[in-house]
Amino acid sequence: MKKLSLFFLILLQGILELEAQTATRGTLTDAEGHSYPTAVIGKSEWMSENLKTTLYSDGTKIPNVPDNAAWPVLKNGAYCWPGNNENSAGKYGALYNWYAVNSGKLCPAGWHVPTDEEWKNLEGVADSLHQVGDPVWNESMGRGYNAGKRLKATSGWKAEGNGSDDFGFSALPSGERTSSGRLFLAGSSAFWWSSTRQGDSLAWYRSIVSFDDNILRNTHPVKIGFSVRCITEK
């Protein structure tokens, strides 16, 4: 009888895990008319692709700044394409500075750039090995064990960096634009802004890299260019 009860307990656990990993899908359209797939993860609905709009939600044009020297001195919202190649938009989306995030107008009506806390919620849902109080869940840098792997796309990463994409997040390595204006790490790393500022010149972000299974949390200067995902509460 005990063996039978254990069998059904394991079976039930497997069913619940499968249901948790099965993404409820939808679509979202931005101000420019681009359509994005979405996935419900935990209590939020997330875009399954990086944002690529060149218009704010009120129709205002976002400046495209491809010049390396001009990018670091910007004090207003701007975007560029990974590799300064517009053809990369379909795969990687755009890279935005945090001034564009802070406009409050990057995402369509009813959607927003996730806060640092909302990213934490995503990490908690995605990591299958998370235990409350585990010291590996610290306040910065490496977060959890396998949340990054479970959020990565199943292809598109260098070497052995592909993930299992258990939730339909489909993270791809779009790289970043550094504080010097250099375009960097496309193909091996992904970076996303949060809407949470830290002090006068920094904001919280998340990163997933090809050689690790977790998620990185840290702050970077607001002038850096990162990808953006929009979310809404369910």
Protein backbone atom coordinates (compact mmCIF):
# COMPACT_ATOMS: atom_id res chain seq x y z
CA MET A 1 0.00 0.00 0.00
CA LYS A 2 2.85 2.39 0.88
CA LYS A 3 4.52 1.68 -2.46
CA LEU A 4 1.23 2.34 -4.28
CA SER A 5 0.73 5.64 -2.39
CA LEU A 6 4.29 6.67 -3.21
CA PHE A 7 3.70 5.85 -6.88
CA PHE A 8 0.60 8.07 -7.05
CA LEU A 9 2.41 10.85 -5.18
CA ILE A 10 5.23 10.80 -7.73
CA LEU A 11 2.69 10.65 -10.58
CA LEU A 12 0.79 13.64 -9.15
CA GLN A 13 4.00 15.62 -8.72
CA GLY A 14 4.91 14.91 -12.33
CA ILE A 15 1.49 16.07 -13.54
CA LEU A 16 1.72 19.29 -11.53
CA GLU A 17 5.22 20.02 -12.84
CA LEU A 18 4.05 19.40 -16.41
CA GLU A 19 1.12 21.76 -15.94
CA ALA A 20 3.44 24.41 -14.48
CA GLN A 21 5.72 24.13 -17.49
CA THR A 22 2.96 24.22 -20.10
CA ALA A 23 2.81 27.81 -21.35
CA THR A 24 -0.53 29.50 -21.92
CA ARG A 25 0.15 31.47 -25.07
CA GLY A 26 -1.25 34.75 -26.40
CA THR A 27 -0.20 37.69 -28.57
CA LEU A 28 0.64 41.36 -28.07
CA THR A 29 0.88 44.17 -30.63
CA ASP A 30 3.09 47.24 -30.14
CA ALA A 31 2.59 50.83 -31.34
CA GLU A 32 4.36 50.06 -34.61
CA GLY A 33 2.17 47.06 -35.39
CA HIS A 34 4.65 44.30 -34.55
CA SER A 35 3.00 41.23 -33.08
CA TYR A 36 4.70 39.20 -30.32
CA PRO A 37 3.83 35.82 -28.83
CA THR A 38 3.31 35.84 -25.06
CA ALA A 39 3.36 33.25 -22.28
CA VAL A 40 1.75 33.16 -18.85
CA ILE A 41 4.44 32.39 -16.27
CA GLY A 42 3.30 32.38 -12.67
CA LYS A 43 0.99 35.34 -12.10
CA SER A 44 2.26 37.41 -15.03
CA GLU A 45 2.03 37.27 -18.82
CA TRP A 46 5.41 37.88 -20.45
CA MET A 47 6.42 38.63 -24.01
CA SER A 48 8.14 35.60 -25.54
CA GLU A 49 10.35 37.83 -27.72
CA ASN A 50 12.33 41.01 -27.11
CA LEU A 51 10.68 44.31 -27.87
CA LYS A 52 11.60 45.87 -31.23
CA THR A 53 9.38 48.92 -31.51
CA THR A 54 10.87 52.19 -32.76
CA LEU A 55 7.83 54.12 -31.49
CA TYR A 56 6.69 54.90 -27.96
CA SER A 57 3.12 53.87 -27.13
CA ASP A 58 1.92 57.42 -27.85
CA GLY A 59 3.33 57.24 -31.40
CA THR A 60 6.41 59.36 -30.69
CA LYS A 61 9.51 58.17 -32.53
CA ILE A 62 12.36 56.76 -30.44
CA PRO A 63 15.75 58.03 -31.68
CA ASN A 64 17.94 55.40 -33.33
CA VAL A 65 21.57 56.06 -32.33
CA PRO A 66 24.01 53.71 -34.09
CA ASP A 67 27.14 55.81 -33.42
CA ASN A 68 29.41 54.38 -30.71
CA ALA A 69 30.66 57.76 -29.55
CA ALA A 70 27.21 59.37 -29.41
CA TRP A 71 25.55 56.59 -27.40
CA PRO A 72 27.35 57.03 -24.01
CA VAL A 73 26.56 60.75 -23.70
CA LEU A 74 22.82 60.45 -24.32
CA LYS A 75 20.43 61.86 -21.70
CA ASN A 76 17.24 60.83 -23.50
CA GLY A 77 15.61 57.60 -24.61
CA ALA A 78 17.21 55.82 -27.57
CA TYR A 79 17.59 52.43 -29.20
CA CYS A 80 19.93 50.61 -31.55
CA TRP A 81 19.93 47.24 -33.29
CA PRO A 82 22.27 44.43 -32.21
CA GLY A 83 25.28 44.67 -34.50
CA ASN A 84 23.74 47.93 -35.81
CA ASN A 85 21.93 45.63 -38.22
CA GLU A 86 18.17 46.13 -38.57
CA ASN A 87 17.92 42.62 -40.02
CA SER A 88 18.68 41.29 -36.52
CA ALA A 89 15.45 42.81 -35.15
CA GLY A 90 13.30 39.79 -35.97
CA LYS A 91 15.54 37.51 -33.92
CA TYR A 92 16.92 39.73 -31.16
CA GLY A 93 14.70 42.80 -30.99
CA ALA A 94 16.21 46.21 -30.16
CA LEU A 95 18.58 47.41 -27.44
CA TYR A 96 17.24 50.37 -25.42
CA ASN A 97 18.90 52.62 -22.88
CA TRP A 98 17.19 52.99 -19.52
CA TYR A 99 16.01 56.50 -20.36
CA ALA A 100 13.65 54.86 -22.85
CA VAL A 101 12.49 52.43 -20.14
CA ASN A 102 11.93 55.32 -17.72
CA SER A 103 9.66 57.08 -20.21
CA GLY A 104 6.89 54.67 -19.19
CA LYS A 105 5.89 54.54 -22.85
CA LEU A 106 7.90 51.62 -24.27
CA CYS A 107 5.24 48.97 -23.73
CA PRO A 108 1.69 48.90 -25.15
CA ALA A 109 -1.18 50.10 -22.97
CA GLY A 110 -1.83 47.74 -20.08
CA TRP A 111 1.73 46.38 -20.22
CA HIS A 112 4.93 47.57 -18.55
CA VAL A 113 8.65 46.90 -18.20
CA PRO A 114 9.01 44.47 -15.25
CA THR A 115 10.25 45.73 -11.90
CA ASP A 116 13.12 44.10 -10.05
CA GLU A 117 10.55 42.32 -7.84
CA GLU A 118 8.68 40.99 -10.86
CA TRP A 119 11.93 39.55 -12.20
CA LYS A 120 12.43 37.90 -8.81
CA ASN A 121 8.99 36.34 -9.10
CA LEU A 122 9.91 34.94 -12.52
CA GLU A 123 13.13 33.48 -11.14
CA GLY A 124 11.22 31.76 -8.32
CA VAL A 125 8.72 30.18 -10.70
CA ALA A 126 11.32 29.09 -13.25
CA ASP A 127 13.86 27.52 -10.89
CA SER A 128 12.86 23.92 -10.18
CA LEU A 129 15.54 23.50 -7.48
CA HIS A 130 14.74 26.61 -5.45
CA GLN A 131 14.39 26.17 -1.71
CA VAL A 132 13.41 28.98 0.64
CA GLY A 133 16.42 30.24 2.57
CA ASP A 134 18.91 28.61 0.23
CA PRO A 135 22.05 30.82 0.29
CA VAL A 136 22.49 30.49 -3.47
CA TRP A 137 19.56 32.91 -3.78
CA ASN A 138 21.43 36.04 -2.77
CA GLU A 139 20.60 39.68 -3.40
CA SER A 140 22.79 40.03 -6.46
CA MET A 141 24.65 38.11 -9.14
CA GLY A 142 23.87 34.37 -9.47
CA ARG A 143 20.22 33.56 -8.82
CA GLY A 144 19.12 29.99 -8.24
CA TYR A 145 20.23 26.89 -10.08
CA ASN A 146 18.49 26.27 -13.38
CA ALA A 147 16.06 29.14 -14.00
CA GLY A 148 18.24 30.48 -16.80
CA LYS A 149 18.40 27.15 -18.60
CA ARG A 150 14.64 26.70 -18.31
CA LEU A 151 14.02 30.17 -19.80
CA LYS A 152 16.52 29.89 -22.68
CA ALA A 153 15.37 29.00 -26.19
CA THR A 154 16.17 25.48 -27.33
CA SER A 155 18.45 26.79 -30.09
CA GLY A 156 20.30 29.97 -31.02
CA TRP A 157 22.94 29.92 -28.27
CA LYS A 158 26.65 29.25 -28.70
CA ALA A 159 28.28 25.96 -27.74
CA GLU A 160 26.26 24.04 -25.12
CA GLY A 161 24.30 27.10 -24.06
CA ASN A 162 20.87 26.14 -25.39
CA GLY A 163 18.07 25.69 -22.88
CA SER A 164 14.85 23.73 -22.44
CA ASP A 165 12.40 26.69 -22.82
CA ASP A 166 9.97 25.12 -20.35
CA PHE A 167 7.76 28.20 -20.03
CA GLY A 168 7.73 29.77 -23.51
CA PHE A 169 10.04 32.64 -22.50
CA SER A 170 12.38 31.72 -25.39
CA ALA A 171 15.39 33.79 -24.32
CA LEU A 172 17.95 34.48 -27.06
CA PRO A 173 21.46 36.00 -26.72
CA SER A 174 20.95 39.54 -28.05
CA GLY A 175 24.03 40.97 -26.30
CA GLU A 176 24.35 44.53 -25.02
CA ARG A 177 25.61 48.00 -25.80
CA THR A 178 28.25 48.88 -23.22
CA SER A 179 28.84 52.19 -21.42
CA SER A 180 31.49 53.00 -24.05
CA GLY A 181 28.96 52.44 -26.84
CA ARG A 182 30.48 49.15 -28.00
CA LEU A 183 28.13 46.37 -29.13
CA PHE A 184 29.10 43.24 -27.27
CA LEU A 185 28.28 39.55 -26.54
CA ALA A 186 25.57 38.91 -29.14
CA GLY A 187 25.26 35.15 -29.52
CA SER A 188 26.46 34.31 -26.02
CA SER A 189 24.59 36.51 -23.51
CA ALA A 190 21.18 38.12 -22.99
CA PHE A 191 20.47 41.23 -20.90
CA TRP A 192 17.14 42.80 -19.94
CA TRP A 193 16.29 45.99 -18.09
CA SER A 194 14.06 46.18 -15.07
CA SER A 195 12.17 49.42 -14.42
CA THR A 196 13.75 49.71 -10.96
CA ARG A 197 16.40 52.37 -10.54
CA GLN A 198 19.26 52.12 -8.02
CA GLY A 199 20.58 55.56 -7.08
CA ASP A 200 21.10 58.33 -9.61
CA SER A 201 22.88 56.52 -12.41
CA LEU A 202 22.18 52.78 -12.07
CA ALA A 203 19.25 50.43 -12.67
CA TRP A 204 18.69 46.73 -11.96
CA TYR A 205 18.91 44.25 -14.82
CA ARG A 206 18.90 40.49 -15.48
CA SER A 207 21.23 38.45 -17.62
CA ILE A 208 21.45 34.87 -18.88
CA VAL A 209 24.74 33.59 -20.30
CA SER A 210 25.57 30.65 -22.53
CA PHE A 211 27.89 28.90 -20.06
CA ASP A 212 25.64 28.95 -16.98
CA ASP A 213 22.19 27.70 -15.99
CA ASN A 214 21.19 30.41 -13.52
CA ILE A 215 20.17 34.07 -13.85
CA LEU A 216 22.42 37.00 -13.01
CA ARG A 217 21.04 40.04 -11.14
CA ASN A 218 23.02 43.26 -10.86
CA THR A 219 22.99 46.98 -11.62
CA HIS A 220 24.47 48.80 -14.59
CA PRO A 221 24.62 52.44 -15.73
CA VAL A 222 21.38 53.72 -17.25
CA LYS A 223 23.21 54.66 -20.48
CA ILE A 224 23.87 51.00 -21.37
CA GLY A 225 21.74 49.32 -24.06
CA PHE A 226 19.78 46.21 -23.04
CA SER A 227 16.82 44.25 -24.36
CA VAL A 228 13.31 44.77 -22.97
CA ARG A 229 10.44 42.41 -22.22
CA CYS A 230 6.97 43.72 -21.39
CA ILE A 231 4.62 42.04 -18.92
CA THR A 232 1.10 42.37 -17.56
CA GLU A 233 -0.52 40.89 -14.48
CA LYS A 234 -3.08 38.10 -14.92
